[in-house]
Structure formats: C-alpha cells, structure tokens
Amino acid sequence: MKTFKAQKLYNGYVSIRDYLVHTCIANQEDLAVFFDGRRMILKPSDLMLKRKQFNKAKIFSQFHGTYTLYDYKWEPDNPSQTQKDFFLKARYV
C-alpha cells in the first residue's frame, strides 16, 4: 500500500499526481490518502473509476518531468467501533 499526504482540499476534492495513481494501478496496490488526521483508502478500481480532472494542464516537476493531477472526492474512512467507544468514554470522563 502506498501512502500520500494531502496538503489541502479543493472544493472537497483531493488532488493526486498522475504518476502515483498509475503506479498503484499497475501494481494493483491500494493508495492511503491522509489529510487533517483522517484517512481515505482508494483501491485500484477506485483510482480508475472515481477520478476527475479539473485542471488538464501539464505541471513541470524538477524530479518527475511533467505530470497532471487527478482529483478524488474526499471521503475519509469511518472510525472503527473501538475508536468510537474510546471517544465516547473520553467525552464523559
């Protein structure tokens, strides 16, 4: 599983560089996206089917040549039941 830490959201979407997306799809790896202490897991099928591209311009990188950005709706994972129980207990202590 590859990881990516987003710096900001744009209208509720997170932007990910195309070469990272293509690498995950080619290797059939999940991509864990982190933002503001929350996590969203994108499976290879999600990386292919759920992507949008708001800006089609090529961006020049010093290390990776050129790339474009793919945008995915930010839908973080729900906390597990144990995390929910912990937060409920912590609120009433």
PDB file of N, CA and C in Angstrom:
ATOM      1  N   MET A   1       0.849  -1.178   0.000  1.00  0.00           N
ATOM      2  CA  MET A   1       0.000   0.000   0.000  1.00  0.00           C
ATOM      3  C   MET A   1       0.890   1.235   0.000  1.00  0.00           C
ATOM      4  N   LYS A   2       0.621   2.125  -0.917  1.00  0.00           N
ATOM      5  CA  LYS A   2       1.336   3.389  -0.973  1.00  0.00           C
ATOM      6  C   LYS A   2       0.561   4.423  -0.159  1.00  0.00           C
ATOM      7  N   THR A   3       1.269   5.429   0.325  1.00  0.00           N
ATOM      8  CA  THR A   3       0.633   6.477   1.111  1.00  0.00           C
ATOM      9  C   THR A   3       0.891   7.838   0.461  1.00  0.00           C
ATOM     10  N   PHE A   4      -0.038   8.747   0.707  1.00  0.00           N
ATOM     11  CA  PHE A   4       0.059  10.100   0.174  1.00  0.00           C
ATOM     12  C   PHE A   4      -0.538  11.042   1.204  1.00  0.00           C
ATOM     13  N   LYS A   5       0.179  12.108   1.542  1.00  0.00           N
ATOM     14  CA  LYS A   5      -0.328  13.090   2.491  1.00  0.00           C
ATOM     15  C   LYS A   5      -0.730  14.343   1.731  1.00  0.00           C
ATOM     16  N   ALA A   6      -2.011  14.651   1.756  1.00  0.00           N
ATOM     17  CA  ALA A   6      -2.537  15.825   1.055  1.00  0.00           C
ATOM     18  C   ALA A   6      -2.328  17.066   1.917  1.00  0.00           C
ATOM     19  N   GLN A   7      -1.997  18.165   1.278  1.00  0.00           N
ATOM     20  CA  GLN A   7      -1.786  19.419   1.993  1.00  0.00           C
ATOM     21  C   GLN A   7      -3.077  20.237   2.114  1.00  0.00           C
ATOM     22  N   LYS A   8      -3.959  20.089   1.113  1.00  0.00           N
ATOM     23  CA  LYS A   8      -5.213  20.846   1.141  1.00  0.00           C
ATOM     24  C   LYS A   8      -6.243  20.154   0.262  1.00  0.00           C
ATOM     25  N   LEU A   9      -7.485  20.574   0.426  1.00  0.00           N
ATOM     26  CA  LEU A   9      -8.583  20.101  -0.410  1.00  0.00           C
ATOM     27  C   LEU A   9      -9.037  21.250  -1.296  1.00  0.00           C
ATOM     28  N   TYR A  10      -9.570  20.912  -2.455  1.00  0.00           N
ATOM     29  CA  TYR A  10     -10.138  21.899  -3.360  1.00  0.00           C
ATOM     30  C   TYR A  10     -11.596  21.533  -3.592  1.00  0.00           C
ATOM     31  N   ASN A  11     -12.515  22.307  -3.021  1.00  0.00           N
ATOM     32  CA  ASN A  11     -13.960  22.050  -3.125  1.00  0.00           C
ATOM     33  C   ASN A  11     -14.320  20.618  -2.735  1.00  0.00           C
ATOM     34  N   GLY A  12     -13.676  20.109  -1.701  1.00  0.00           N
ATOM     35  CA  GLY A  12     -13.980  18.766  -1.218  1.00  0.00           C
ATOM     36  C   GLY A  12     -13.276  17.656  -1.977  1.00  0.00           C
ATOM     37  N   TYR A  13     -12.321  17.997  -2.822  1.00  0.00           N
ATOM     38  CA  TYR A  13     -11.564  17.019  -3.598  1.00  0.00           C
ATOM     39  C   TYR A  13     -10.084  17.093  -3.234  1.00  0.00           C
ATOM     40  N   VAL A  14      -9.443  15.951  -3.259  1.00  0.00           N
ATOM     41  CA  VAL A  14      -8.001  15.875  -3.041  1.00  0.00           C
ATOM     42  C   VAL A  14      -7.342  15.604  -4.390  1.00  0.00           C
ATOM     43  N   SER A  15      -6.241  16.299  -4.668  1.00  0.00           N
ATOM     44  CA  SER A  15      -5.531  16.147  -5.941  1.00  0.00           C
ATOM     45  C   SER A  15      -4.309  15.263  -5.752  1.00  0.00           C
ATOM     46  N   ILE A  16      -4.153  14.282  -6.653  1.00  0.00           N
ATOM     47  CA  ILE A  16      -3.055  13.326  -6.571  1.00  0.00           C
ATOM     48  C   ILE A  16      -2.347  13.304  -7.921  1.00  0.00           C
ATOM     49  N   ARG A  17      -1.031  13.271  -7.909  1.00  0.00           N
ATOM     50  CA  ARG A  17      -0.252  13.273  -9.147  1.00  0.00           C
ATOM     51  C   ARG A  17      -0.493  11.992  -9.941  1.00  0.00           C
ATOM     52  N   ASP A  18      -0.518  12.155 -11.261  1.00  0.00           N
ATOM     53  CA  ASP A  18      -0.868  11.032 -12.135  1.00  0.00           C
ATOM     54  C   ASP A  18       0.102   9.868 -12.044  1.00  0.00           C
ATOM     55  N   TYR A  19       1.396  10.122 -11.868  1.00  0.00           N
ATOM     56  CA  TYR A  19       2.349   9.009 -11.828  1.00  0.00           C
ATOM     57  C   TYR A  19       2.156   8.139 -10.592  1.00  0.00           C
ATOM     58  N   LEU A  20       1.698   8.718  -9.485  1.00  0.00           N
ATOM     59  CA  LEU A  20       1.405   7.925  -8.295  1.00  0.00           C
ATOM     60  C   LEU A  20       0.173   7.054  -8.534  1.00  0.00           C
ATOM     61  N   VAL A  21      -0.836   7.612  -9.162  1.00  0.00           N
ATOM     62  CA  VAL A  21      -2.052   6.864  -9.492  1.00  0.00           C
ATOM     63  C   VAL A  21      -1.735   5.715 -10.451  1.00  0.00           C
ATOM     64  N   HIS A  22      -0.973   6.003 -11.505  1.00  0.00           N
ATOM     65  CA  HIS A  22      -0.638   4.968 -12.493  1.00  0.00           C
ATOM     66  C   HIS A  22       0.205   3.850 -11.873  1.00  0.00           C
ATOM     67  N   THR A  23       1.109   4.195 -10.967  1.00  0.00           N
ATOM     68  CA  THR A  23       1.928   3.178 -10.289  1.00  0.00           C
ATOM     69  C   THR A  23       1.060   2.255  -9.451  1.00  0.00           C
ATOM     70  N   CYS A  24       0.119   2.816  -8.706  1.00  0.00           N
ATOM     71  CA  CYS A  24      -0.768   1.995  -7.872  1.00  0.00           C
ATOM     72  C   CYS A  24      -1.649   1.085  -8.731  1.00  0.00           C
ATOM     73  N   ILE A  25      -2.151   1.602  -9.840  1.00  0.00           N
ATOM     74  CA  ILE A  25      -2.987   0.782 -10.714  1.00  0.00           C
ATOM     75  C   ILE A  25      -2.165  -0.346 -11.331  1.00  0.00           C
ATOM     76  N   ALA A  26      -0.971  -0.036 -11.824  1.00  0.00           N
ATOM     77  CA  ALA A  26      -0.128  -1.048 -12.468  1.00  0.00           C
ATOM     78  C   ALA A  26       0.280  -2.159 -11.504  1.00  0.00           C
ATOM     79  N   ASN A  27       0.531  -1.795 -10.233  1.00  0.00           N
ATOM     80  CA  ASN A  27       0.958  -2.778  -9.236  1.00  0.00           C
ATOM     81  C   ASN A  27      -0.201  -3.352  -8.428  1.00  0.00           C
ATOM     82  N   GLN A  28      -1.432  -2.953  -8.764  1.00  0.00           N
ATOM     83  CA  GLN A  28      -2.629  -3.390  -8.032  1.00  0.00           C
ATOM     84  C   GLN A  28      -2.490  -3.130  -6.529  1.00  0.00           C
ATOM     85  N   GLU A  29      -2.037  -1.918  -6.191  1.00  0.00           N
ATOM     86  CA  GLU A  29      -1.864  -1.510  -4.795  1.00  0.00           C
ATOM     87  C   GLU A  29      -2.942  -0.507  -4.404  1.00  0.00           C
ATOM     88  N   ASP A  30      -3.320  -0.543  -3.136  1.00  0.00           N
ATOM     89  CA  ASP A  30      -4.210   0.480  -2.602  1.00  0.00           C
ATOM     90  C   ASP A  30      -3.397   1.743  -2.344  1.00  0.00           C
ATOM     91  N   LEU A  31      -4.091   2.880  -2.327  1.00  0.00           N
ATOM     92  CA  LEU A  31      -3.458   4.155  -2.007  1.00  0.00           C
ATOM     93  C   LEU A  31      -4.149   4.721  -0.776  1.00  0.00           C
ATOM     94  N   ALA A  32      -3.379   4.949   0.286  1.00  0.00           N
ATOM     95  CA  ALA A  32      -3.906   5.551   1.509  1.00  0.00           C
ATOM     96  C   ALA A  32      -3.618   7.047   1.443  1.00  0.00           C
ATOM     97  N   VAL A  33      -4.674   7.845   1.473  1.00  0.00           N
ATOM     98  CA  VAL A  33      -4.547   9.297   1.407  1.00  0.00           C
ATOM     99  C   VAL A  33      -4.861   9.853   2.796  1.00  0.00           C
ATOM    100  N   PHE A  34      -3.951  10.673   3.318  1.00  0.00           N
ATOM    101  CA  PHE A  34      -4.115  11.266   4.641  1.00  0.00           C
ATOM    102  C   PHE A  34      -4.305  12.765   4.505  1.00  0.00           C
ATOM    103  N   PHE A  35      -5.250  13.291   5.285  1.00  0.00           N
ATOM    104  CA  PHE A  35      -5.474  14.735   5.330  1.00  0.00           C
ATOM    105  C   PHE A  35      -6.101  15.084   6.673  1.00  0.00           C
ATOM    106  N   ASP A  36      -5.510  16.026   7.353  1.00  0.00           N
ATOM    107  CA  ASP A  36      -6.068  16.556   8.605  1.00  0.00           C
ATOM    108  C   ASP A  36      -6.327  15.448   9.632  1.00  0.00           C
ATOM    109  N   GLY A  37      -5.410  14.481   9.715  1.00  0.00           N
ATOM    110  CA  GLY A  37      -5.531  13.408  10.694  1.00  0.00           C
ATOM    111  C   GLY A  37      -6.521  12.318  10.332  1.00  0.00           C
ATOM    112  N   ARG A  38      -7.086  12.362   9.142  1.00  0.00           N
ATOM    113  CA  ARG A  38      -8.048  11.347   8.695  1.00  0.00           C
ATOM    114  C   ARG A  38      -7.484  10.623   7.488  1.00  0.00           C
ATOM    115  N   ARG A  39      -8.032   9.447   7.198  1.00  0.00           N
ATOM    116  CA  ARG A  39      -7.503   8.600   6.133  1.00  0.00           C
ATOM    117  C   ARG A  39      -8.607   8.165   5.184  1.00  0.00           C
ATOM    118  N   MET A  40      -8.234   8.049   3.918  1.00  0.00           N
ATOM    119  CA  MET A  40      -9.131   7.522   2.895  1.00  0.00           C
ATOM    120  C   MET A  40      -8.334   6.491   2.100  1.00  0.00           C
ATOM    121  N   ILE A  41      -8.890   5.304   1.924  1.00  0.00           N
ATOM    122  CA  ILE A  41      -8.240   4.258   1.147  1.00  0.00           C
ATOM    123  C   ILE A  41      -8.874   4.215  -0.243  1.00  0.00           C
ATOM    124  N   LEU A  42      -8.038   4.284  -1.269  1.00  0.00           N
ATOM    125  CA  LEU A  42      -8.503   4.155  -2.649  1.00  0.00           C
ATOM    126  C   LEU A  42      -7.942   2.861  -3.228  1.00  0.00           C
ATOM    127  N   LYS A  43      -8.829   1.986  -3.632  1.00  0.00           N
ATOM    128  CA  LYS A  43      -8.430   0.731  -4.274  1.00  0.00           C
ATOM    129  C   LYS A  43      -8.112   1.013  -5.744  1.00  0.00           C
ATOM    130  N   PRO A  44      -7.387   0.122  -6.420  1.00  0.00           N
ATOM    131  CA  PRO A  44      -7.062   0.366  -7.837  1.00  0.00           C
ATOM    132  C   PRO A  44      -8.294   0.627  -8.703  1.00  0.00           C
ATOM    133  N   SER A  45      -9.390  -0.069  -8.417  1.00  0.00           N
ATOM    134  CA  SER A  45     -10.612   0.177  -9.196  1.00  0.00           C
ATOM    135  C   SER A  45     -11.148   1.589  -8.941  1.00  0.00           C
ATOM    136  N   ASP A  46     -11.050   2.062  -7.684  1.00  0.00           N
ATOM    137  CA  ASP A  46     -11.466   3.427  -7.366  1.00  0.00           C
ATOM    138  C   ASP A  46     -10.574   4.447  -8.072  1.00  0.00           C
ATOM    139  N   LEU A  47      -9.280   4.146  -8.122  1.00  0.00           N
ATOM    140  CA  LEU A  47      -8.345   5.064  -8.777  1.00  0.00           C
ATOM    141  C   LEU A  47      -8.678   5.230 -10.252  1.00  0.00           C
ATOM    142  N   MET A  48      -9.189   4.179 -10.879  1.00  0.00           N
ATOM    143  CA  MET A  48      -9.543   4.260 -12.301  1.00  0.00           C
ATOM    144  C   MET A  48     -10.913   4.891 -12.517  1.00  0.00           C
ATOM    145  N   LEU A  49     -11.896   4.499 -11.712  1.00  0.00           N
ATOM    146  CA  LEU A  49     -13.282   4.862 -11.992  1.00  0.00           C
ATOM    147  C   LEU A  49     -13.744   6.164 -11.350  1.00  0.00           C
ATOM    148  N   LYS A  50     -13.187   6.545 -10.208  1.00  0.00           N
ATOM    149  CA  LYS A  50     -13.700   7.701  -9.475  1.00  0.00           C
ATOM    150  C   LYS A  50     -12.934   8.993  -9.724  1.00  0.00           C
ATOM    151  N   ARG A  51     -11.972   8.967 -10.632  1.00  0.00           N
ATOM    152  CA  ARG A  51     -11.156  10.160 -10.804  1.00  0.00           C
ATOM    153  C   ARG A  51     -11.828  11.188 -11.698  1.00  0.00           C
ATOM    154  N   LYS A  52     -11.558  12.426 -11.363  1.00  0.00           N
ATOM    155  CA  LYS A  52     -11.977  13.568 -12.174  1.00  0.00           C
ATOM    156  C   LYS A  52     -10.704  14.345 -12.483  1.00  0.00           C
ATOM    157  N   GLN A  53     -10.780  15.224 -13.427  1.00  0.00           N
ATOM    158  CA  GLN A  53      -9.618  16.040 -13.757  1.00  0.00           C
ATOM    159  C   GLN A  53     -10.097  17.462 -14.008  1.00  0.00           C
ATOM    160  N   PHE A  54      -9.998  18.296 -12.959  1.00  0.00           N
ATOM    161  CA  PHE A  54     -10.466  19.670 -13.064  1.00  0.00           C
ATOM    162  C   PHE A  54      -9.492  20.541 -13.851  1.00  0.00           C
ATOM    163  N   ASN A  55      -8.196  20.234 -13.744  1.00  0.00           N
ATOM    164  CA  ASN A  55      -7.174  21.018 -14.428  1.00  0.00           C
ATOM    165  C   ASN A  55      -6.360  20.075 -15.305  1.00  0.00           C
ATOM    166  N   LYS A  56      -6.460  20.233 -16.598  1.00  0.00           N
ATOM    167  CA  LYS A  56      -5.772  19.325 -17.527  1.00  0.00           C
ATOM    168  C   LYS A  56      -4.368  19.815 -17.900  1.00  0.00           C
ATOM    169  N   ALA A  57      -3.943  20.920 -17.313  1.00  0.00           N
ATOM    170  CA  ALA A  57      -2.632  21.489 -17.648  1.00  0.00           C
ATOM    171  C   ALA A  57      -1.506  20.580 -17.150  1.00  0.00           C
ATOM    172  N   LYS A  58      -0.440  20.529 -17.930  1.00  0.00           N
ATOM    173  CA  LYS A  58       0.762  19.793 -17.527  1.00  0.00           C
ATOM    174  C   LYS A  58       1.543  20.658 -16.539  1.00  0.00           C
ATOM    175  N   ILE A  59       2.005  20.035 -15.471  1.00  0.00           N
ATOM    176  CA  ILE A  59       2.784  20.730 -14.457  1.00  0.00           C
ATOM    177  C   ILE A  59       4.210  20.203 -14.553  1.00  0.00           C
ATOM    178  N   PHE A  60       5.179  21.097 -14.506  1.00  0.00           N
ATOM    179  CA  PHE A  60       6.577  20.700 -14.616  1.00  0.00           C
ATOM    180  C   PHE A  60       7.168  20.471 -13.230  1.00  0.00           C
ATOM    181  N   SER A  61       7.846  19.346 -13.072  1.00  0.00           N
ATOM    182  CA  SER A  61       8.473  18.972 -11.819  1.00  0.00           C
ATOM    183  C   SER A  61       9.973  18.858 -12.028  1.00  0.00           C
ATOM    184  N   GLN A  62      10.723  19.222 -11.031  1.00  0.00           N
ATOM    185  CA  GLN A  62      12.173  19.136 -11.119  1.00  0.00           C
ATOM    186  C   GLN A  62      12.644  17.685 -11.189  1.00  0.00           C
ATOM    187  N   PHE A  63      11.918  16.773 -10.549  1.00  0.00           N
ATOM    188  CA  PHE A  63      12.374  15.395 -10.433  1.00  0.00           C
ATOM    189  C   PHE A  63      11.594  14.400 -11.289  1.00  0.00           C
ATOM    190  N   HIS A  64      10.331  14.690 -11.618  1.00  0.00           N
ATOM    191  CA  HIS A  64       9.485  13.719 -12.317  1.00  0.00           C
ATOM    192  C   HIS A  64       9.067  14.174 -13.713  1.00  0.00           C
ATOM    193  N   GLY A  65       9.718  15.148 -14.270  1.00  0.00           N
ATOM    194  CA  GLY A  65       9.316  15.627 -15.596  1.00  0.00           C
ATOM    195  C   GLY A  65       8.004  16.387 -15.511  1.00  0.00           C
ATOM    196  N   THR A  66       7.034  15.996 -16.314  1.00  0.00           N
ATOM    197  CA  THR A  66       5.721  16.640 -16.250  1.00  0.00           C
ATOM    198  C   THR A  66       4.695  15.663 -15.697  1.00  0.00           C
ATOM    199  N   TYR A  67       3.672  16.210 -15.110  1.00  0.00           N
ATOM    200  CA  TYR A  67       2.579  15.393 -14.580  1.00  0.00           C
ATOM    201  C   TYR A  67       1.292  16.201 -14.622  1.00  0.00           C
ATOM    202  N   THR A  68       0.181  15.505 -14.480  1.00  0.00           N
ATOM    203  CA  THR A  68      -1.122  16.139 -14.333  1.00  0.00           C
ATOM    204  C   THR A  68      -1.699  15.692 -12.994  1.00  0.00           C
ATOM    205  N   LEU A  69      -2.758  16.336 -12.587  1.00  0.00           N
ATOM    206  CA  LEU A  69      -3.392  15.999 -11.316  1.00  0.00           C
ATOM    207  C   LEU A  69      -4.733  15.322 -11.558  1.00  0.00           C
ATOM    208  N   TYR A  70      -4.989  14.269 -10.792  1.00  0.00           N
ATOM    209  CA  TYR A  70      -6.296  13.628 -10.770  1.00  0.00           C
ATOM    210  C   TYR A  70      -6.960  13.995  -9.453  1.00  0.00           C
ATOM    211  N   ASP A  71      -8.237  14.262  -9.492  1.00  0.00           N
ATOM    212  CA  ASP A  71      -8.969  14.706  -8.307  1.00  0.00           C
ATOM    213  C   ASP A  71      -9.962  13.633  -7.878  1.00  0.00           C
ATOM    214  N   TYR A  72      -9.999  13.396  -6.565  1.00  0.00           N
ATOM    215  CA  TYR A  72     -10.890  12.392  -5.978  1.00  0.00           C
ATOM    216  C   TYR A  72     -11.683  13.040  -4.853  1.00  0.00           C
ATOM    217  N   LYS A  73     -12.972  12.728  -4.798  1.00  0.00           N
ATOM    218  CA  LYS A  73     -13.833  13.241  -3.736  1.00  0.00           C
ATOM    219  C   LYS A  73     -13.297  12.762  -2.396  1.00  0.00           C
ATOM    220  N   TRP A  74     -13.104  13.695  -1.450  1.00  0.00           N
ATOM    221  CA  TRP A  74     -12.582  13.355  -0.130  1.00  0.00           C
ATOM    222  C   TRP A  74     -13.677  12.688   0.689  1.00  0.00           C
ATOM    223  N   GLU A  75     -13.539  11.381   0.898  1.00  0.00           N
ATOM    224  CA  GLU A  75     -14.476  10.587   1.683  1.00  0.00           C
ATOM    225  C   GLU A  75     -13.672   9.743   2.664  1.00  0.00           C
ATOM    226  N   PRO A  76     -13.302  10.329   3.819  1.00  0.00           N
ATOM    227  CA  PRO A  76     -12.453   9.590   4.755  1.00  0.00           C
ATOM    228  C   PRO A  76     -13.167   8.377   5.330  1.00  0.00           C
ATOM    229  N   ASP A  77     -12.354   7.393   5.737  1.00  0.00           N
ATOM    230  CA  ASP A  77     -12.891   6.183   6.351  1.00  0.00           C
ATOM    231  C   ASP A  77     -13.585   6.533   7.658  1.00  0.00           C
ATOM    232  N   ASN A  78     -14.607   5.749   7.983  1.00  0.00           N
ATOM    233  CA  ASN A  78     -15.261   5.919   9.268  1.00  0.00           C
ATOM    234  C   ASN A  78     -14.376   5.337  10.352  1.00  0.00           C
ATOM    235  N   PRO A  79     -14.332   5.964  11.531  1.00  0.00           N
ATOM    236  CA  PRO A  79     -13.538   5.384  12.612  1.00  0.00           C
ATOM    237  C   PRO A  79     -14.106   4.018  13.006  1.00  0.00           C
ATOM    238  N   SER A  80     -13.232   3.144  13.452  1.00  0.00           N
ATOM    239  CA  SER A  80     -13.685   1.815  13.871  1.00  0.00           C
ATOM    240  C   SER A  80     -14.522   1.938  15.135  1.00  0.00           C
ATOM    241  N   GLN A  81     -15.236   0.882  15.475  1.00  0.00           N
ATOM    242  CA  GLN A  81     -16.106   0.906  16.656  1.00  0.00           C
ATOM    243  C   GLN A  81     -15.290   1.135  17.925  1.00  0.00           C
ATOM    244  N   THR A  82     -14.079   0.576  17.998  1.00  0.00           N
ATOM    245  CA  THR A  82     -13.271   0.783  19.202  1.00  0.00           C
ATOM    246  C   THR A  82     -12.871   2.243  19.328  1.00  0.00           C
ATOM    247  N   GLN A  83     -12.590   2.920  18.207  1.00  0.00           N
ATOM    248  CA  GLN A  83     -12.273   4.336  18.272  1.00  0.00           C
ATOM    249  C   GLN A  83     -13.500   5.131  18.706  1.00  0.00           C
ATOM    250  N   LYS A  84     -14.678   4.777  18.212  1.00  0.00           N
ATOM    251  CA  LYS A  84     -15.906   5.456  18.619  1.00  0.00           C
ATOM    252  C   LYS A  84     -16.138   5.289  20.117  1.00  0.00           C
ATOM    253  N   ASP A  85     -15.957   4.056  20.629  1.00  0.00           N
ATOM    254  CA  ASP A  85     -16.130   3.804  22.053  1.00  0.00           C
ATOM    255  C   ASP A  85     -15.145   4.633  22.877  1.00  0.00           C
ATOM    256  N   PHE A  86     -13.909   4.714  22.416  1.00  0.00           N
ATOM    257  CA  PHE A  86     -12.893   5.485  23.125  1.00  0.00           C
ATOM    258  C   PHE A  86     -13.288   6.949  23.205  1.00  0.00           C
ATOM    259  N   PHE A  87     -13.745   7.525  22.081  1.00  0.00           N
ATOM    260  CA  PHE A  87     -14.115   8.928  22.068  1.00  0.00           C
ATOM    261  C   PHE A  87     -15.332   9.193  22.955  1.00  0.00           C
ATOM    262  N   LEU A  88     -16.293   8.260  22.967  1.00  0.00           N
ATOM    263  CA  LEU A  88     -17.456   8.436  23.837  1.00  0.00           C
ATOM    264  C   LEU A  88     -17.057   8.390  25.301  1.00  0.00           C
ATOM    265  N   LYS A  89     -16.183   7.459  25.660  1.00  0.00           N
ATOM    266  CA  LYS A  89     -15.719   7.369  27.057  1.00  0.00           C
ATOM    267  C   LYS A  89     -14.921   8.608  27.438  1.00  0.00           C
ATOM    268  N   ALA A  90     -14.075   9.077  26.543  1.00  0.00           N
ATOM    269  CA  ALA A  90     -13.232  10.242  26.838  1.00  0.00           C
ATOM    270  C   ALA A  90     -14.067  11.494  27.038  1.00  0.00           C
ATOM    271  N   ARG A  91     -15.207  11.572  26.356  1.00  0.00           N
ATOM    272  CA  ARG A  91     -16.046  12.763  26.474  1.00  0.00           C
ATOM    273  C   ARG A  91     -16.718  12.841  27.848  1.00  0.00           C
ATOM    274  N   TYR A  92     -16.992  11.703  28.467  1.00  0.00           N
ATOM    275  CA  TYR A  92     -17.732  11.692  29.713  1.00  0.00           C
ATOM    276  C   TYR A  92     -16.846  11.509  30.930  1.00  0.00           C
ATOM    277  N   VAL A  93     -15.550  11.518  30.789  1.00  0.00           N
ATOM    278  CA  VAL A  93     -14.649  11.327  31.935  1.00  0.00           C
ATOM    279  C   VAL A  93     -14.349  12.661  32.558  1.00  0.00           C
TER     280      VAL A  93
END
